[in-house]
Amino acid sequence: MNCRNLEEFWPVYVNHHSKRATRRWHFIGTLCSILCLIYSLLFTRWFLIFVPLFGYGLAWYSHFFVEGNTPATFGHPIWSLLCDFRMFGLMLTGQMDREIKRLGKRPILQPY
């Protein structure tokens, strides 16, 4: 699927995260990445290695073993990262379920 912009990619991204457990693993990974980034900036730079390890490691685990699909990062790495932060924010504010309902169930297409 060829998406021309981030707004076209967003529904594809949400479909790749249809299971609540997948979204929770992403949330935990993003939160751990943010905390590792803050820690590394405040105390020691070598801790930066954990930022992508937590972020991508937990997210990819959820795609391969929970959702059973390929991470959208492989096709659109920048858009995928931006959508991950958007999903994190929606989950943090309790609005992700409403966003899923707004988008409705769509066929899952590979984003590349």
PDB file of N, CA and C in Angstrom:
ATOM      1  N   MET A   1       0.842  -1.180   0.000  1.00  0.00           N
ATOM      2  CA  MET A   1       0.000   0.000   0.000  1.00  0.00           C
ATOM      3  C   MET A   1       0.884   1.239   0.000  1.00  0.00           C
ATOM      4  N   ASN A   2       0.620   2.129  -0.894  1.00  0.00           N
ATOM      5  CA  ASN A   2       1.372   3.375  -0.968  1.00  0.00           C
ATOM      6  C   ASN A   2       0.583   4.496  -0.306  1.00  0.00           C
ATOM      7  N   CYS A   3       1.106   4.996   0.771  1.00  0.00           N
ATOM      8  CA  CYS A   3       0.483   6.113   1.472  1.00  0.00           C
ATOM      9  C   CYS A   3       1.227   7.376   1.074  1.00  0.00           C
ATOM     10  N   ARG A   4       0.469   8.409   0.806  1.00  0.00           N
ATOM     11  CA  ARG A   4       1.080   9.668   0.366  1.00  0.00           C
ATOM     12  C   ARG A   4       1.453  10.588   1.516  1.00  0.00           C
ATOM     13  N   ASN A   5       0.840  10.379   2.672  1.00  0.00           N
ATOM     14  CA  ASN A   5       1.140  11.246   3.813  1.00  0.00           C
ATOM     15  C   ASN A   5       0.842  10.509   5.115  1.00  0.00           C
ATOM     16  N   LEU A   6       1.152  11.166   6.199  1.00  0.00           N
ATOM     17  CA  LEU A   6       1.001  10.561   7.513  1.00  0.00           C
ATOM     18  C   LEU A   6      -0.457  10.256   7.846  1.00  0.00           C
ATOM     19  N   GLU A   7      -1.358  11.123   7.445  1.00  0.00           N
ATOM     20  CA  GLU A   7      -2.782  10.908   7.733  1.00  0.00           C
ATOM     21  C   GLU A   7      -3.337   9.689   6.992  1.00  0.00           C
ATOM     22  N   GLU A   8      -2.829   9.405   5.814  1.00  0.00           N
ATOM     23  CA  GLU A   8      -3.234   8.194   5.090  1.00  0.00           C
ATOM     24  C   GLU A   8      -2.620   6.951   5.734  1.00  0.00           C
ATOM     25  N   PHE A   9      -1.441   7.116   6.306  1.00  0.00           N
ATOM     26  CA  PHE A   9      -0.748   5.992   6.938  1.00  0.00           C
ATOM     27  C   PHE A   9      -1.348   5.635   8.298  1.00  0.00           C
ATOM     28  N   TRP A  10      -1.905   6.589   9.001  1.00  0.00           N
ATOM     29  CA  TRP A  10      -2.428   6.377  10.352  1.00  0.00           C
ATOM     30  C   TRP A  10      -3.417   5.213  10.432  1.00  0.00           C
ATOM     31  N   PRO A  11      -4.439   5.118   9.575  1.00  0.00           N
ATOM     32  CA  PRO A  11      -5.347   3.966   9.670  1.00  0.00           C
ATOM     33  C   PRO A  11      -4.648   2.623   9.423  1.00  0.00           C
ATOM     34  N   VAL A  12      -3.671   2.610   8.537  1.00  0.00           N
ATOM     35  CA  VAL A  12      -2.897   1.388   8.289  1.00  0.00           C
ATOM     36  C   VAL A  12      -2.137   1.010   9.557  1.00  0.00           C
ATOM     37  N   TYR A  13      -1.528   1.995  10.187  1.00  0.00           N
ATOM     38  CA  TYR A  13      -0.784   1.768  11.419  1.00  0.00           C
ATOM     39  C   TYR A  13      -1.705   1.231  12.519  1.00  0.00           C
ATOM     40  N   VAL A  14      -2.856   1.836  12.670  1.00  0.00           N
ATOM     41  CA  VAL A  14      -3.800   1.391  13.708  1.00  0.00           C
ATOM     42  C   VAL A  14      -4.250  -0.043  13.434  1.00  0.00           C
ATOM     43  N   ASN A  15      -4.485  -0.394  12.170  1.00  0.00           N
ATOM     44  CA  ASN A  15      -4.875  -1.767  11.834  1.00  0.00           C
ATOM     45  C   ASN A  15      -3.782  -2.772  12.176  1.00  0.00           C
ATOM     46  N   HIS A  16      -2.539  -2.351  12.113  1.00  0.00           N
ATOM     47  CA  HIS A  16      -1.433  -3.235  12.477  1.00  0.00           C
ATOM     48  C   HIS A  16      -1.314  -3.404  13.992  1.00  0.00           C
ATOM     49  N   HIS A  17      -2.146  -2.682  14.724  1.00  0.00           N
ATOM     50  CA  HIS A  17      -2.140  -2.736  16.187  1.00  0.00           C
ATOM     51  C   HIS A  17      -3.547  -3.021  16.693  1.00  0.00           C
ATOM     52  N   SER A  18      -4.196  -3.997  16.084  1.00  0.00           N
ATOM     53  CA  SER A  18      -5.605  -4.262  16.375  1.00  0.00           C
ATOM     54  C   SER A  18      -5.820  -4.914  17.745  1.00  0.00           C
ATOM     55  N   LYS A  19      -4.818  -5.613  18.240  1.00  0.00           N
ATOM     56  CA  LYS A  19      -4.963  -6.270  19.545  1.00  0.00           C
ATOM     57  C   LYS A  19      -4.502  -5.345  20.662  1.00  0.00           C
ATOM     58  N   ARG A  20      -5.282  -5.332  21.711  1.00  0.00           N
ATOM     59  CA  ARG A  20      -4.974  -4.480  22.872  1.00  0.00           C
ATOM     60  C   ARG A  20      -3.596  -4.802  23.449  1.00  0.00           C
ATOM     61  N   ALA A  21      -3.231  -6.081  23.471  1.00  0.00           N
ATOM     62  CA  ALA A  21      -1.926  -6.470  24.020  1.00  0.00           C
ATOM     63  C   ALA A  21      -0.784  -5.878  23.188  1.00  0.00           C
ATOM     64  N   THR A  22      -0.956  -5.817  21.886  1.00  0.00           N
ATOM     65  CA  THR A  22       0.067  -5.214  21.026  1.00  0.00           C
ATOM     66  C   THR A  22       0.257  -3.753  21.377  1.00  0.00           C
ATOM     67  N   ARG A  23      -0.838  -3.057  21.526  1.00  0.00           N
ATOM     68  CA  ARG A  23      -0.764  -1.635  21.884  1.00  0.00           C
ATOM     69  C   ARG A  23      -0.132  -1.438  23.260  1.00  0.00           C
ATOM     70  N   ARG A  24      -0.417  -2.322  24.177  1.00  0.00           N
ATOM     71  CA  ARG A  24       0.175  -2.210  25.522  1.00  0.00           C
ATOM     72  C   ARG A  24       1.685  -2.437  25.487  1.00  0.00           C
ATOM     73  N   TRP A  25       2.133  -3.422  24.715  1.00  0.00           N
ATOM     74  CA  TRP A  25       3.577  -3.643  24.572  1.00  0.00           C
ATOM     75  C   TRP A  25       4.242  -2.416  23.971  1.00  0.00           C
ATOM     76  N   HIS A  26       3.584  -1.802  22.983  1.00  0.00           N
ATOM     77  CA  HIS A  26       4.118  -0.573  22.388  1.00  0.00           C
ATOM     78  C   HIS A  26       4.188   0.550  23.424  1.00  0.00           C
ATOM     79  N   PHE A  27       3.152   0.680  24.202  1.00  0.00           N
ATOM     80  CA  PHE A  27       3.112   1.727  25.229  1.00  0.00           C
ATOM     81  C   PHE A  27       4.268   1.549  26.220  1.00  0.00           C
ATOM     82  N   ILE A  28       4.452   0.316  26.683  1.00  0.00           N
ATOM     83  CA  ILE A  28       5.530   0.031  27.642  1.00  0.00           C
ATOM     84  C   ILE A  28       6.887   0.318  27.005  1.00  0.00           C
ATOM     85  N   GLY A  29       7.072  -0.110  25.755  1.00  0.00           N
ATOM     86  CA  GLY A  29       8.334   0.127  25.066  1.00  0.00           C
ATOM     87  C   GLY A  29       8.624   1.605  24.877  1.00  0.00           C
ATOM     88  N   THR A  30       7.610   2.368  24.475  1.00  0.00           N
ATOM     89  CA  THR A  30       7.789   3.803  24.286  1.00  0.00           C
ATOM     90  C   THR A  30       8.073   4.500  25.608  1.00  0.00           C
ATOM     91  N   LEU A  31       7.345   4.122  26.644  1.00  0.00           N
ATOM     92  CA  LEU A  31       7.577   4.711  27.969  1.00  0.00           C
ATOM     93  C   LEU A  31       8.991   4.403  28.457  1.00  0.00           C
ATOM     94  N   CYS A  32       9.424   3.164  28.333  1.00  0.00           N
ATOM     95  CA  CYS A  32      10.782   2.795  28.751  1.00  0.00           C
ATOM     96  C   CYS A  32      11.829   3.560  27.947  1.00  0.00           C
ATOM     97  N   SER A  33      11.577   3.740  26.653  1.00  0.00           N
ATOM     98  CA  SER A  33      12.505   4.494  25.811  1.00  0.00           C
ATOM     99  C   SER A  33      12.615   5.945  26.259  1.00  0.00           C
ATOM    100  N   ILE A  34      11.487   6.546  26.543  1.00  0.00           N
ATOM    101  CA  ILE A  34      11.483   7.941  27.009  1.00  0.00           C
ATOM    102  C   ILE A  34      12.218   8.061  28.337  1.00  0.00           C
ATOM    103  N   LEU A  35      11.960   7.130  29.247  1.00  0.00           N
ATOM    104  CA  LEU A  35      12.638   7.164  30.557  1.00  0.00           C
ATOM    105  C   LEU A  35      14.144   6.947  30.406  1.00  0.00           C
ATOM    106  N   CYS A  36      14.541   6.043  29.509  1.00  0.00           N
ATOM    107  CA  CYS A  36      15.973   5.808  29.269  1.00  0.00           C
ATOM    108  C   CYS A  36      16.629   7.040  28.654  1.00  0.00           C
ATOM    109  N   LEU A  37      15.918   7.711  27.766  1.00  0.00           N
ATOM    110  CA  LEU A  37      16.449   8.928  27.156  1.00  0.00           C
ATOM    111  C   LEU A  37      16.665  10.011  28.216  1.00  0.00           C
ATOM    112  N   ILE A  38      15.681  10.196  29.066  1.00  0.00           N
ATOM    113  CA  ILE A  38      15.801  11.195  30.136  1.00  0.00           C
ATOM    114  C   ILE A  38      16.949  10.837  31.075  1.00  0.00           C
ATOM    115  N   TYR A  39      17.027   9.561  31.459  1.00  0.00           N
ATOM    116  CA  TYR A  39      18.097   9.123  32.354  1.00  0.00           C
ATOM    117  C   TYR A  39      19.463   9.361  31.716  1.00  0.00           C
ATOM    118  N   SER A  40      19.588   9.033  30.446  1.00  0.00           N
ATOM    119  CA  SER A  40      20.886   9.195  29.778  1.00  0.00           C
ATOM    120  C   SER A  40      21.279  10.668  29.650  1.00  0.00           C
ATOM    121  N   LEU A  41      20.306  11.533  29.450  1.00  0.00           N
ATOM    122  CA  LEU A  41      20.605  12.954  29.351  1.00  0.00           C
ATOM    123  C   LEU A  41      20.993  13.551  30.706  1.00  0.00           C
ATOM    124  N   LEU A  42      20.427  13.017  31.775  1.00  0.00           N
ATOM    125  CA  LEU A  42      20.701  13.536  33.109  1.00  0.00           C
ATOM    126  C   LEU A  42      21.945  12.940  33.756  1.00  0.00           C
ATOM    127  N   PHE A  43      22.226  11.663  33.480  1.00  0.00           N
ATOM    128  CA  PHE A  43      23.272  10.989  34.230  1.00  0.00           C
ATOM    129  C   PHE A  43      24.416  10.437  33.383  1.00  0.00           C
ATOM    130  N   THR A  44      24.113   9.588  32.443  1.00  0.00           N
ATOM    131  CA  THR A  44      25.188   8.944  31.685  1.00  0.00           C
ATOM    132  C   THR A  44      24.746   8.659  30.253  1.00  0.00           C
ATOM    133  N   ARG A  45      25.553   9.071  29.316  1.00  0.00           N
ATOM    134  CA  ARG A  45      25.201   8.960  27.894  1.00  0.00           C
ATOM    135  C   ARG A  45      25.157   7.519  27.397  1.00  0.00           C
ATOM    136  N   TRP A  46      25.914   6.620  28.008  1.00  0.00           N
ATOM    137  CA  TRP A  46      25.939   5.252  27.513  1.00  0.00           C
ATOM    138  C   TRP A  46      24.572   4.570  27.631  1.00  0.00           C
ATOM    139  N   PHE A  47      23.717   5.112  28.451  1.00  0.00           N
ATOM    140  CA  PHE A  47      22.377   4.559  28.620  1.00  0.00           C
ATOM    141  C   PHE A  47      21.521   4.763  27.365  1.00  0.00           C
ATOM    142  N   LEU A  48      21.977   5.587  26.440  1.00  0.00           N
ATOM    143  CA  LEU A  48      21.250   5.811  25.180  1.00  0.00           C
ATOM    144  C   LEU A  48      21.044   4.522  24.386  1.00  0.00           C
ATOM    145  N   ILE A  49      21.915   3.542  24.577  1.00  0.00           N
ATOM    146  CA  ILE A  49      21.784   2.280  23.852  1.00  0.00           C
ATOM    147  C   ILE A  49      20.448   1.594  24.148  1.00  0.00           C
ATOM    148  N   PHE A  50      19.894   1.859  25.325  1.00  0.00           N
ATOM    149  CA  PHE A  50      18.643   1.214  25.710  1.00  0.00           C
ATOM    150  C   PHE A  50      17.403   1.860  25.080  1.00  0.00           C
ATOM    151  N   VAL A  51      17.538   3.063  24.564  1.00  0.00           N
ATOM    152  CA  VAL A  51      16.384   3.753  23.972  1.00  0.00           C
ATOM    153  C   VAL A  51      15.804   2.938  22.820  1.00  0.00           C
ATOM    154  N   PRO A  52      16.579   2.608  21.779  1.00  0.00           N
ATOM    155  CA  PRO A  52      15.987   1.799  20.698  1.00  0.00           C
ATOM    156  C   PRO A  52      15.765   0.343  21.095  1.00  0.00           C
ATOM    157  N   LEU A  53      16.578  -0.177  22.004  1.00  0.00           N
ATOM    158  CA  LEU A  53      16.393  -1.573  22.405  1.00  0.00           C
ATOM    159  C   LEU A  53      15.025  -1.796  23.044  1.00  0.00           C
ATOM    160  N   PHE A  54      14.652  -0.913  23.954  1.00  0.00           N
ATOM    161  CA  PHE A  54      13.331  -1.030  24.576  1.00  0.00           C
ATOM    162  C   PHE A  54      12.226  -0.700  23.579  1.00  0.00           C
ATOM    163  N   GLY A  55      12.381   0.412  22.887  1.00  0.00           N
ATOM    164  CA  GLY A  55      11.328   0.859  21.973  1.00  0.00           C
ATOM    165  C   GLY A  55      11.027  -0.141  20.879  1.00  0.00           C
ATOM    166  N   TYR A  56      12.048  -0.513  20.138  1.00  0.00           N
ATOM    167  CA  TYR A  56      11.830  -1.450  19.033  1.00  0.00           C
ATOM    168  C   TYR A  56      11.698  -2.884  19.517  1.00  0.00           C
ATOM    169  N   GLY A  57      12.478  -3.244  20.524  1.00  0.00           N
ATOM    170  CA  GLY A  57      12.439  -4.626  21.008  1.00  0.00           C
ATOM    171  C   GLY A  57      11.060  -5.056  21.473  1.00  0.00           C
ATOM    172  N   LEU A  58      10.440  -4.269  22.326  1.00  0.00           N
ATOM    173  CA  LEU A  58       9.113  -4.626  22.838  1.00  0.00           C
ATOM    174  C   LEU A  58       8.038  -4.508  21.763  1.00  0.00           C
ATOM    175  N   ALA A  59       8.168  -3.509  20.899  1.00  0.00           N
ATOM    176  CA  ALA A  59       7.191  -3.345  19.819  1.00  0.00           C
ATOM    177  C   ALA A  59       7.277  -4.507  18.838  1.00  0.00           C
ATOM    178  N   TRP A  60       8.480  -4.859  18.441  1.00  0.00           N
ATOM    179  CA  TRP A  60       8.631  -5.951  17.475  1.00  0.00           C
ATOM    180  C   TRP A  60       8.211  -7.283  18.084  1.00  0.00           C
ATOM    181  N   TYR A  61       8.504  -7.485  19.363  1.00  0.00           N
ATOM    182  CA  TYR A  61       8.018  -8.689  20.041  1.00  0.00           C
ATOM    183  C   TYR A  61       6.499  -8.794  19.886  1.00  0.00           C
ATOM    184  N   SER A  62       5.818  -7.681  20.123  1.00  0.00           N
ATOM    185  CA  SER A  62       4.354  -7.714  20.064  1.00  0.00           C
ATOM    186  C   SER A  62       3.845  -8.005  18.657  1.00  0.00           C
ATOM    187  N   HIS A  63       4.550  -7.530  17.650  1.00  0.00           N
ATOM    188  CA  HIS A  63       4.106  -7.816  16.278  1.00  0.00           C
ATOM    189  C   HIS A  63       4.334  -9.272  15.911  1.00  0.00           C
ATOM    190  N   PHE A  64       5.486  -9.807  16.231  1.00  0.00           N
ATOM    191  CA  PHE A  64       5.803 -11.173  15.836  1.00  0.00           C
ATOM    192  C   PHE A  64       5.071 -12.221  16.666  1.00  0.00           C
ATOM    193  N   PHE A  65       4.884 -11.975  17.969  1.00  0.00           N
ATOM    194  CA  PHE A  65       4.349 -13.012  18.847  1.00  0.00           C
ATOM    195  C   PHE A  65       2.939 -12.752  19.370  1.00  0.00           C
ATOM    196  N   VAL A  66       2.445 -11.532  19.283  1.00  0.00           N
ATOM    197  CA  VAL A  66       1.086 -11.225  19.748  1.00  0.00           C
ATOM    198  C   VAL A  66       0.170 -10.959  18.559  1.00  0.00           C
ATOM    199  N   GLU A  67       0.537 -10.003  17.747  1.00  0.00           N
ATOM    200  CA  GLU A  67      -0.306  -9.589  16.611  1.00  0.00           C
ATOM    201  C   GLU A  67      -0.173 -10.546  15.431  1.00  0.00           C
ATOM    202  N   GLY A  68       1.017 -11.102  15.261  1.00  0.00           N
ATOM    203  CA  GLY A  68       1.243 -12.033  14.158  1.00  0.00           C
ATOM    204  C   GLY A  68       1.388 -11.343  12.811  1.00  0.00           C
ATOM    205  N   ASN A  69       1.999 -10.166  12.800  1.00  0.00           N
ATOM    206  CA  ASN A  69       2.212  -9.456  11.539  1.00  0.00           C
ATOM    207  C   ASN A  69       3.610  -8.850  11.513  1.00  0.00           C
ATOM    208  N   THR A  70       3.901  -8.137  10.454  1.00  0.00           N
ATOM    209  CA  THR A  70       5.199  -7.491  10.292  1.00  0.00           C
ATOM    210  C   THR A  70       5.112  -6.054  10.778  1.00  0.00           C
ATOM    211  N   PRO A  71       6.091  -5.583  11.532  1.00  0.00           N
ATOM    212  CA  PRO A  71       6.057  -4.195  11.991  1.00  0.00           C
ATOM    213  C   PRO A  71       6.012  -3.207  10.826  1.00  0.00           C
ATOM    214  N   ALA A  72       5.216  -2.174  10.978  1.00  0.00           N
ATOM    215  CA  ALA A  72       5.102  -1.134   9.952  1.00  0.00           C
ATOM    216  C   ALA A  72       6.407  -0.367   9.794  1.00  0.00           C
ATOM    217  N   THR A  73       7.272  -0.471  10.786  1.00  0.00           N
ATOM    218  CA  THR A  73       8.577   0.199  10.747  1.00  0.00           C
ATOM    219  C   THR A  73       9.392  -0.231   9.534  1.00  0.00           C
ATOM    220  N   PHE A  74       9.218  -1.462   9.106  1.00  0.00           N
ATOM    221  CA  PHE A  74      10.005  -1.975   7.993  1.00  0.00           C
ATOM    222  C   PHE A  74       9.686  -1.255   6.691  1.00  0.00           C
ATOM    223  N   GLY A  75       8.454  -0.793   6.544  1.00  0.00           N
ATOM    224  CA  GLY A  75       8.066  -0.115   5.311  1.00  0.00           C
ATOM    225  C   GLY A  75       8.132   1.396   5.371  1.00  0.00           C
ATOM    226  N   HIS A  76       7.783   1.947   6.523  1.00  0.00           N
ATOM    227  CA  HIS A  76       7.739   3.405   6.713  1.00  0.00           C
ATOM    228  C   HIS A  76       8.301   3.747   8.097  1.00  0.00           C
ATOM    229  N   PRO A  77       9.618   3.770   8.244  1.00  0.00           N
ATOM    230  CA  PRO A  77      10.195   3.947   9.591  1.00  0.00           C
ATOM    231  C   PRO A  77       9.877   5.280  10.258  1.00  0.00           C
ATOM    232  N   ILE A  78       9.898   6.368   9.527  1.00  0.00           N
ATOM    233  CA  ILE A  78       9.644   7.679  10.141  1.00  0.00           C
ATOM    234  C   ILE A  78       8.167   7.820  10.495  1.00  0.00           C
ATOM    235  N   TRP A  79       7.298   7.498   9.541  1.00  0.00           N
ATOM    236  CA  TRP A  79       5.860   7.592   9.811  1.00  0.00           C
ATOM    237  C   TRP A  79       5.463   6.658  10.947  1.00  0.00           C
ATOM    238  N   SER A  80       6.070   5.497  10.981  1.00  0.00           N
ATOM    239  CA  SER A  80       5.762   4.540  12.035  1.00  0.00           C
ATOM    240  C   SER A  80       6.146   5.081  13.410  1.00  0.00           C
ATOM    241  N   LEU A  81       7.309   5.710  13.496  1.00  0.00           N
ATOM    242  CA  LEU A  81       7.736   6.302  14.765  1.00  0.00           C
ATOM    243  C   LEU A  81       6.788   7.425  15.190  1.00  0.00           C
ATOM    244  N   LEU A  82       6.410   8.277  14.251  1.00  0.00           N
ATOM    245  CA  LEU A  82       5.481   9.366  14.569  1.00  0.00           C
ATOM    246  C   LEU A  82       4.121   8.829  15.002  1.00  0.00           C
ATOM    247  N   CYS A  83       3.661   7.780  14.329  1.00  0.00           N
ATOM    248  CA  CYS A  83       2.371   7.177  14.709  1.00  0.00           C
ATOM    249  C   CYS A  83       2.462   6.487  16.065  1.00  0.00           C
ATOM    250  N   ASP A  84       3.633   5.928  16.384  1.00  0.00           N
ATOM    251  CA  ASP A  84       3.809   5.318  17.693  1.00  0.00           C
ATOM    252  C   ASP A  84       3.668   6.360  18.795  1.00  0.00           C
ATOM    253  N   PHE A  85       4.262   7.540  18.591  1.00  0.00           N
ATOM    254  CA  PHE A  85       4.120   8.608  19.578  1.00  0.00           C
ATOM    255  C   PHE A  85       2.675   9.105  19.652  1.00  0.00           C
ATOM    256  N   ARG A  86       2.000   9.137  18.511  1.00  0.00           N
ATOM    257  CA  ARG A  86       0.585   9.539  18.503  1.00  0.00           C
ATOM    258  C   ARG A  86      -0.254   8.531  19.279  1.00  0.00           C
ATOM    259  N   MET A  87      -0.008   7.229  19.028  1.00  0.00           N
ATOM    260  CA  MET A  87      -0.741   6.187  19.740  1.00  0.00           C
ATOM    261  C   MET A  87      -0.426   6.248  21.233  1.00  0.00           C
ATOM    262  N   PHE A  88       0.834   6.492  21.581  1.00  0.00           N
ATOM    263  CA  PHE A  88       1.230   6.624  22.984  1.00  0.00           C
ATOM    264  C   PHE A  88       0.443   7.749  23.652  1.00  0.00           C
ATOM    265  N   GLY A  89       0.368   8.893  22.982  1.00  0.00           N
ATOM    266  CA  GLY A  89      -0.378  10.023  23.531  1.00  0.00           C
ATOM    267  C   GLY A  89      -1.856   9.731  23.685  1.00  0.00           C
ATOM    268  N   LEU A  90      -2.438   9.066  22.686  1.00  0.00           N
ATOM    269  CA  LEU A  90      -3.860   8.717  22.775  1.00  0.00           C
ATOM    270  C   LEU A  90      -4.118   7.715  23.894  1.00  0.00           C
ATOM    271  N   MET A  91      -3.195   6.775  24.072  1.00  0.00           N
ATOM    272  CA  MET A  91      -3.352   5.813  25.163  1.00  0.00           C
ATOM    273  C   MET A  91      -3.171   6.490  26.512  1.00  0.00           C
ATOM    274  N   LEU A  92      -2.223   7.395  26.595  1.00  0.00           N
ATOM    275  CA  LEU A  92      -1.958   8.111  27.842  1.00  0.00           C
ATOM    276  C   LEU A  92      -3.170   8.925  28.283  1.00  0.00           C
ATOM    277  N   THR A  93      -3.909   9.461  27.325  1.00  0.00           N
ATOM    278  CA  THR A  93      -5.080  10.284  27.634  1.00  0.00           C
ATOM    279  C   THR A  93      -6.395   9.496  27.572  1.00  0.00           C
ATOM    280  N   GLY A  94      -6.305   8.183  27.338  1.00  0.00           N
ATOM    281  CA  GLY A  94      -7.497   7.344  27.312  1.00  0.00           C
ATOM    282  C   GLY A  94      -8.363   7.507  26.082  1.00  0.00           C
ATOM    283  N   GLN A  95      -7.792   7.958  24.971  1.00  0.00           N
ATOM    284  CA  GLN A  95      -8.576   8.209  23.768  1.00  0.00           C
ATOM    285  C   GLN A  95      -8.332   7.201  22.652  1.00  0.00           C
ATOM    286  N   MET A  96      -7.466   6.217  22.864  1.00  0.00           N
ATOM    287  CA  MET A  96      -7.129   5.290  21.775  1.00  0.00           C
ATOM    288  C   MET A  96      -8.311   4.413  21.382  1.00  0.00           C
ATOM    289  N   ASP A  97      -9.078   3.934  22.352  1.00  0.00           N
ATOM    290  CA  ASP A  97     -10.234   3.091  22.015  1.00  0.00           C
ATOM    291  C   ASP A  97     -11.234   3.861  21.155  1.00  0.00           C
ATOM    292  N   ARG A  98     -11.417   5.123  21.463  1.00  0.00           N
ATOM    293  CA  ARG A  98     -12.325   5.951  20.671  1.00  0.00           C
ATOM    294  C   ARG A  98     -11.787   6.141  19.245  1.00  0.00           C
ATOM    295  N   GLU A  99     -10.478   6.276  19.135  1.00  0.00           N
ATOM    296  CA  GLU A  99      -9.855   6.429  17.813  1.00  0.00           C
ATOM    297  C   GLU A  99     -10.018   5.157  16.982  1.00  0.00           C
ATOM    298  N   ILE A 100      -9.896   4.010  17.614  1.00  0.00           N
ATOM    299  CA  ILE A 100     -10.093   2.736  16.919  1.00  0.00           C
ATOM    300  C   ILE A 100     -11.526   2.624  16.420  1.00  0.00           C
ATOM    301  N   LYS A 101     -12.468   2.998  17.251  1.00  0.00           N
ATOM    302  CA  LYS A 101     -13.879   2.968  16.832  1.00  0.00           C
ATOM    303  C   LYS A 101     -14.142   3.955  15.707  1.00  0.00           C
ATOM    304  N   ARG A 102     -13.504   5.123  15.778  1.00  0.00           N
ATOM    305  CA  ARG A 102     -13.679   6.126  14.729  1.00  0.00           C
ATOM    306  C   ARG A 102     -13.191   5.612  13.381  1.00  0.00           C
ATOM    307  N   LEU A 103     -12.060   4.930  13.400  1.00  0.00           N
ATOM    308  CA  LEU A 103     -11.495   4.422  12.155  1.00  0.00           C
ATOM    309  C   LEU A 103     -12.234   3.194  11.650  1.00  0.00           C
ATOM    310  N   GLY A 104     -12.832   2.438  12.548  1.00  0.00           N
ATOM    311  CA  GLY A 104     -13.555   1.242  12.149  1.00  0.00           C
ATOM    312  C   GLY A 104     -12.616   0.121  11.760  1.00  0.00           C
ATOM    313  N   LYS A 105     -13.177  -1.052  11.590  1.00  0.00           N
ATOM    314  CA  LYS A 105     -12.375  -2.214  11.199  1.00  0.00           C
ATOM    315  C   LYS A 105     -12.121  -2.159   9.711  1.00  0.00           C
ATOM    316  N   ARG A 106     -10.875  -2.189   9.338  1.00  0.00           N
ATOM    317  CA  ARG A 106     -10.476  -2.148   7.932  1.00  0.00           C
ATOM    318  C   ARG A 106      -9.593  -3.346   7.644  1.00  0.00           C
ATOM    319  N   PRO A 107      -9.541  -3.777   6.421  1.00  0.00           N
ATOM    320  CA  PRO A 107      -8.643  -4.894   6.104  1.00  0.00           C
ATOM    321  C   PRO A 107      -7.192  -4.497   6.349  1.00  0.00           C
ATOM    322  N   ILE A 108      -6.437  -5.399   6.900  1.00  0.00           N
ATOM    323  CA  ILE A 108      -5.037  -5.129   7.185  1.00  0.00           C
ATOM    324  C   ILE A 108      -4.230  -5.319   5.914  1.00  0.00           C
ATOM    325  N   LEU A 109      -3.622  -4.259   5.461  1.00  0.00           N
ATOM    326  CA  LEU A 109      -2.772  -4.290   4.287  1.00  0.00           C
ATOM    327  C   LEU A 109      -1.342  -3.996   4.695  1.00  0.00           C
ATOM    328  N   GLN A 110      -0.413  -4.606   4.031  1.00  0.00           N
ATOM    329  CA  GLN A 110       0.984  -4.295   4.291  1.00  0.00           C
ATOM    330  C   GLN A 110       1.264  -2.889   3.792  1.00  0.00           C
ATOM    331  N   PRO A 111       1.933  -2.053   4.581  1.00  0.00           N
ATOM    332  CA  PRO A 111       2.143  -0.654   4.196  1.00  0.00           C
ATOM    333  C   PRO A 111       3.255  -0.432   3.178  1.00  0.00           C
ATOM    334  N   TYR A 112       3.762  -1.479   2.574  1.00  0.00           N
ATOM    335  CA  TYR A 112       4.848  -1.329   1.609  1.00  0.00           C
ATOM    336  C   TYR A 112       4.717  -2.309   0.497  1.00  0.00           C
TER     337      TYR A 112
END
